[in-house]
Protein backbone atom coordinates (compact mmCIF):
# COMPACT_ATOMS: atom_id res chain seq x y z
CA MET A 1 5.90 39.41 4.44
CA SER A 2 2.30 40.04 5.54
CA ARG A 3 0.43 37.33 7.34
CA THR A 4 -1.76 35.09 5.20
CA SER A 5 -5.45 35.72 5.77
CA PRO A 6 -8.26 33.18 5.33
CA ALA A 7 -9.38 35.14 2.27
CA ASP A 8 -5.96 34.61 0.68
CA GLY A 9 -6.27 30.86 1.18
CA ILE A 10 -9.79 30.77 -0.24
CA ARG A 11 -8.79 32.80 -3.29
CA PHE A 12 -5.76 30.58 -3.86
CA ALA A 13 -7.87 27.42 -3.63
CA PHE A 14 -10.57 28.63 -6.01
CA GLY A 15 -8.13 30.35 -8.34
CA THR A 16 -5.84 27.36 -8.81
CA LEU A 17 -8.16 24.37 -8.37
CA THR A 18 -11.24 25.60 -10.25
CA ALA A 19 -12.09 27.51 -13.42
CA LEU A 20 -14.20 29.99 -11.48
CA PRO A 21 -13.19 33.64 -12.08
CA VAL A 22 -11.30 34.30 -8.84
CA ARG A 23 -8.31 36.64 -8.69
CA VAL A 24 -5.33 35.27 -6.75
CA ASN A 25 -3.35 38.05 -5.06
CA ARG A 26 -0.61 35.97 -3.44
CA TRP A 27 1.45 33.08 -4.87
CA ASP A 28 3.91 32.47 -2.04
CA ARG A 29 4.34 29.28 -0.02
CA GLU A 30 2.18 30.45 2.88
CA ALA A 31 -0.70 31.29 0.55
CA ALA A 32 -0.35 27.90 -1.13
CA ARG A 33 -0.46 26.15 2.23
CA ALA A 34 -3.57 28.08 3.23
CA GLY A 35 -5.09 27.34 -0.17
CA MET A 36 -4.65 23.60 0.26
CA GLN A 37 -6.39 23.86 3.63
CA CYS A 38 -9.31 25.51 1.84
CA ALA A 39 -9.34 22.96 -1.01
CA PRO A 40 -12.34 21.03 0.43
CA LEU A 41 -14.37 24.25 0.26
CA ALA A 42 -13.58 24.61 -3.43
CA GLY A 43 -14.43 20.96 -3.94
CA LEU A 44 -17.73 21.40 -2.12
CA VAL A 45 -18.72 24.27 -4.42
CA VAL A 46 -17.84 22.18 -7.49
CA GLY A 47 -19.84 19.26 -6.11
CA LEU A 48 -22.85 21.45 -5.37
CA CYS A 49 -22.76 22.79 -8.93
CA ALA A 50 -22.72 19.22 -10.26
CA ALA A 51 -25.57 18.24 -7.95
CA GLY A 52 -27.57 21.31 -8.94
CA LEU A 53 -27.33 20.60 -12.66
CA GLY A 54 -28.05 16.89 -12.33
CA GLY A 55 -30.97 17.47 -10.00
CA ALA A 56 -32.38 20.25 -12.18
CA LEU A 57 -32.24 18.07 -15.30
CA THR A 58 -34.03 15.28 -13.47
CA LEU A 59 -36.75 17.58 -12.18
CA LEU A 60 -37.19 18.99 -15.71
CA GLY A 61 -37.93 15.49 -17.01
CA ALA A 62 -34.54 14.38 -18.29
CA GLY A 63 -33.66 10.72 -17.95
CA PRO A 64 -31.18 9.45 -15.38
CA LEU A 65 -28.50 8.82 -18.03
CA LEU A 66 -28.43 12.45 -19.18
CA ALA A 67 -28.43 13.65 -15.57
CA ALA A 68 -25.58 11.26 -14.77
CA ALA A 69 -23.49 12.40 -17.73
CA ALA A 70 -24.02 16.06 -16.83
CA THR A 71 -23.14 15.42 -13.19
CA ALA A 72 -19.86 13.75 -14.16
CA ALA A 73 -19.05 16.48 -16.68
CA VAL A 74 -19.46 19.48 -14.37
CA PRO A 75 -16.46 18.71 -12.09
CA ALA A 76 -14.28 18.08 -15.14
CA ALA A 77 -15.31 21.42 -16.64
CA LEU A 78 -15.05 23.46 -13.45
CA THR A 79 -11.58 22.08 -12.63
CA ARG A 80 -10.30 22.30 -16.24
CA GLY A 81 -9.84 18.53 -16.13
CA LEU A 82 -7.06 19.01 -13.58
CA HIS A 83 -7.52 15.73 -11.71
CA LEU A 84 -8.44 13.74 -14.81
CA ASP A 85 -5.30 14.95 -16.55
CA GLY A 86 -3.24 13.91 -13.54
CA LEU A 87 -4.91 10.50 -13.52
CA ALA A 88 -4.15 9.98 -17.21
CA ASP A 89 -0.51 11.04 -16.85
CA THR A 90 -0.06 8.81 -13.80
CA ALA A 91 -1.54 5.86 -15.69
CA ASP A 92 0.84 6.49 -18.60
CA GLY A 93 3.82 6.66 -16.24
CA LEU A 94 2.89 3.51 -14.36
CA GLY A 95 1.89 1.60 -17.46
CA SER A 96 5.08 2.40 -19.33
CA ALA A 97 7.12 -0.01 -17.17
CA LYS A 98 10.07 2.35 -17.72
CA PRO A 99 12.63 3.41 -15.10
CA ALA A 100 11.59 6.31 -12.88
CA ASP A 101 13.40 8.98 -14.94
CA GLU A 102 11.79 7.88 -18.18
CA ALA A 103 8.38 7.37 -16.59
CA LEU A 104 8.43 10.93 -15.23
CA ARG A 105 9.43 12.22 -18.65
CA ILE A 106 6.44 10.43 -20.17
CA MET A 107 4.15 11.96 -17.52
CA LYS A 108 5.39 15.47 -18.36
CA GLN A 109 4.54 15.17 -22.05
CA SER A 110 1.49 17.13 -23.21
CA ASP A 111 -0.15 14.22 -25.03
CA ILE A 112 -1.99 11.29 -23.47
CA GLY A 113 -0.87 7.74 -24.17
CA PRO A 114 -2.93 4.55 -24.48
CA PHE A 115 -2.82 3.74 -20.77
CA GLY A 116 -4.12 7.20 -19.92
CA VAL A 117 -6.93 6.99 -22.48
CA ILE A 118 -8.05 3.57 -21.28
CA THR A 119 -7.95 4.65 -17.63
CA LEU A 120 -9.96 7.82 -18.29
CA LEU A 121 -12.50 5.84 -20.31
CA PHE A 122 -13.22 3.31 -17.60
CA VAL A 123 -13.11 5.80 -14.73
CA LEU A 124 -15.60 8.14 -16.40
CA LEU A 125 -17.79 5.20 -17.44
CA ALA A 126 -17.81 4.00 -13.84
CA GLN A 127 -18.73 7.45 -12.55
CA VAL A 128 -21.56 7.88 -15.05
CA ALA A 129 -22.81 4.37 -14.31
CA VAL A 130 -22.90 5.09 -10.58
CA PHE A 131 -24.73 8.39 -11.02
CA PHE A 132 -27.18 6.67 -13.38
CA GLU A 133 -27.90 4.05 -10.74
CA LEU A 134 -28.39 6.67 -8.03
CA TYR A 135 -30.57 8.97 -10.15
CA GLU A 136 -32.67 5.98 -11.16
CA ARG A 137 -33.34 5.31 -7.48
CA SER A 138 -34.06 8.93 -6.62
CA TRP A 139 -32.89 12.32 -7.87
CA THR A 140 -31.97 13.21 -4.29
CA GLU A 141 -29.55 10.27 -4.00
CA GLY A 142 -27.80 11.33 -7.19
CA ALA A 143 -27.61 14.96 -6.12
CA VAL A 144 -26.29 14.09 -2.66
CA ALA A 145 -23.63 11.80 -4.14
CA ALA A 146 -22.59 14.53 -6.58
CA SER A 147 -22.20 17.06 -3.79
CA ARG A 148 -20.10 14.62 -1.75
CA ARG A 149 -17.88 13.85 -4.75
CA GLY A 150 -16.29 17.27 -4.71
CA ARG A 151 -15.43 17.28 -1.03
CA ARG A 152 -11.95 15.88 -1.13
CA ARG A 153 -8.73 17.32 0.17
CA PRO A 154 -5.56 16.83 -1.86
CA PRO A 155 -3.75 13.91 -0.19
CA ARG A 156 -0.50 14.59 1.62
CA PRO A 157 2.61 12.41 1.54
CA HIS A 158 3.54 10.60 4.73
CA PRO A 159 6.27 11.91 7.00
CA GLY A 160 9.66 10.98 5.63
CA ARG A 161 8.47 10.32 2.11
CA PRO A 162 9.96 12.39 -0.68
CA HIS A 163 7.57 14.99 -2.03
CA ARG A 164 9.09 16.23 -5.21
CA SER A 165 8.68 16.10 -8.96
CA ALA A 166 11.88 14.20 -9.68
CA PRO A 167 12.91 10.79 -8.44
CA GLY A 168 15.59 10.30 -5.85
CA PRO A 169 16.97 7.69 -3.52
CA PRO A 170 14.24 6.08 -1.43
CA ARG A 171 14.07 7.04 2.19
CA ARG A 172 13.08 4.92 5.12
CA PRO A 173 9.70 6.07 6.45
CA ARG A 174 10.09 7.88 9.73
CA ARG A 175 8.14 7.06 12.82
CA CYS A 176 4.78 8.71 13.20
CA ARG A 177 5.36 12.02 14.92
CA ARG A 178 2.50 11.73 17.36
CA ARG A 179 2.49 8.11 18.48
CA GLY A 180 5.77 6.67 17.31
CA ARG A 181 4.13 4.30 14.86
CA PRO A 182 5.29 3.54 11.34
CA ALA A 183 3.74 5.49 8.48
CA ARG A 184 1.53 2.55 7.52
CA SER A 185 -0.07 2.48 10.96
CA CYS A 186 -0.56 6.26 10.80
CA ALA A 187 -2.38 5.85 7.47
CA ALA A 188 -4.63 3.21 8.99
CA GLY A 189 -5.35 5.54 11.87
CA ARG A 190 -6.33 8.33 9.49
CA GLY A 191 -8.62 5.96 7.61
CA GLY A 192 -10.24 4.93 10.88
CA ARG A 193 -10.79 8.53 11.94
CA HIS A 194 -12.29 9.44 8.56
CA GLY A 195 -14.45 6.33 8.73
CA ARG A 196 -15.82 7.32 12.13
CA GLY A 197 -16.52 10.79 10.76
CA GLY A 198 -18.32 9.30 7.77
CA ALA A 199 -20.39 7.09 10.04
CA GLY A 200 -21.42 10.15 12.01
CA ALA A 201 -22.41 11.94 8.80
CA GLY A 202 -24.59 8.97 7.80
CA ALA A 203 -26.26 8.67 11.20
CA LEU A 204 -29.44 10.30 9.89
CA LEU A 205 -29.79 7.49 7.33
CA GLY A 206 -30.04 4.76 9.94
CA PRO A 207 -27.65 1.92 10.81
CA TYR A 208 -27.21 0.84 7.20
CA GLY A 209 -26.56 4.41 6.12
CA MET A 210 -23.92 4.76 8.83
CA ALA A 211 -22.17 1.57 7.77
CA ARG A 212 -22.27 2.39 4.06
CA THR A 213 -21.01 5.94 4.54
CA ALA A 214 -18.19 4.79 6.81
CA ALA A 215 -17.22 2.06 4.33
CA CYS A 216 -17.33 4.62 1.51
CA VAL A 217 -14.81 6.87 3.25
CA VAL A 218 -12.52 4.10 4.51
CA LEU A 219 -12.34 2.31 1.16
CA ALA A 220 -11.78 5.58 -0.72
CA VAL A 221 -8.90 6.47 1.59
CA GLY A 222 -7.56 2.92 1.30
CA ALA A 223 -7.64 2.95 -2.51
CA ALA A 224 -5.81 6.28 -2.64
CA GLU A 225 -3.31 5.00 -0.07
CA LEU A 226 -2.48 1.94 -2.17
CA LEU A 227 -1.96 4.06 -5.27
CA LEU A 228 0.16 6.54 -3.33
CA ARG A 229 2.46 3.81 -1.99
CA HIS A 230 2.81 2.27 -5.44
CA CYS A 231 3.70 5.64 -7.00
CA VAL A 232 6.27 6.38 -4.29
CA ARG A 233 7.92 3.00 -4.90
CA ARG A 234 7.70 3.38 -8.66
CA PHE A 235 8.76 7.03 -9.10
CA GLY A 236 10.76 7.62 -5.92
CA GLY A 237 8.42 10.46 -4.98
CA VAL A 238 5.13 12.10 -5.91
CA THR A 239 4.12 14.80 -8.38
CA GLY A 240 1.08 16.96 -8.98
CA ASP A 241 -0.13 14.39 -11.51
CA VAL A 242 -0.06 11.72 -8.83
CA PHE A 243 -2.15 13.92 -6.54
CA GLY A 244 -4.72 14.29 -9.32
CA GLY A 245 -4.78 10.53 -9.82
CA LEU A 246 -5.26 10.00 -6.09
CA ALA A 247 -8.19 12.41 -6.02
CA GLU A 248 -9.98 10.68 -8.91
CA THR A 249 -9.24 7.24 -7.47
CA ALA A 250 -10.70 8.16 -4.10
CA ALA A 251 -13.74 9.84 -5.67
CA THR A 252 -14.53 6.91 -7.97
CA THR A 253 -14.11 4.37 -5.16
CA ALA A 254 -16.44 6.37 -2.93
CA LEU A 255 -19.08 6.58 -5.67
CA VAL A 256 -18.96 2.83 -6.34
CA VAL A 257 -19.48 2.08 -2.66
CA LEU A 258 -22.39 4.54 -2.49
CA ALA A 259 -24.07 2.72 -5.38
CA LEU A 260 -23.99 -0.66 -3.60
CA GLY A 261 -26.95 -1.92 -1.64
C-alpha cells in the first residue's frame, strides 16, 4: 500500500466532512487517519465561508438578525447537517431512557424524534442569538466568531475507552500513557493546554480578551468532555453520531462564552 500523502488527508477531510466538490481517491484506514488530522482545516474553511457571508450581509446593510441566521446556516449547509444530525440522534438516544441496545437502534433510525427536534431547536436558537449579539456589537466580532466556530477537531475517545458503534462491557480506563495519570486527569490536562493556547490567541485583545478566549476554549472542551463521559456510560461506547453531538456542543458553548461581557 502506498504511503498516505498530505494531499490524501486533505481530500479525505474535505470530501467526507464538507459538501465541497472534492474527489476522494483513498478510503483506507491510513487515509481516514490523515483526514481526521486535517479536519480543523476543513472546519476553518467552513467557518471562513460563514464569516464571509455574515460580514458581507452586514456591510450591504442587512440587519444583525439576518446576518446571524445566515452565519449559522452556512456550516449546516456546507457539512450537509452532519454534526446537527449527530446531535439530534444522540439526544434521541439519551432521552429515550432505553437500554443501550435499544438506544443505539433509535439513534440509527432515519427519522428524528422529539428529543432531537427540541435539542436542535434550542441549539440553533442559541447560536443565532449569539451571532446576533456579536453582529450588533460589530460586524467584525460576528465574523471572527463565525470563523472560529468551524475550527474544531473531531474529539477522540480516551485511552482504554471502547470506540465502536455497538455497546459492550465497560472497560476500566487505563492509565494515561505519558504521565501515568487516570483518563480524567489527562482530559483536564488537555483542557489546560487548549486554554493556554486560547489565551495566547487572545493576547492581541488585551488581558480581558486573553481571559475570555481561554475560558471559551476550556469550557467548550469541558462541555464536550461531560457529554462524552455520559455517552460512554450510557451506550457502552461512542458512535459517529456522538462525535457530531460533541462537536455541536463544544461549538455552542464556545459561542455563548464569546458573547458574554
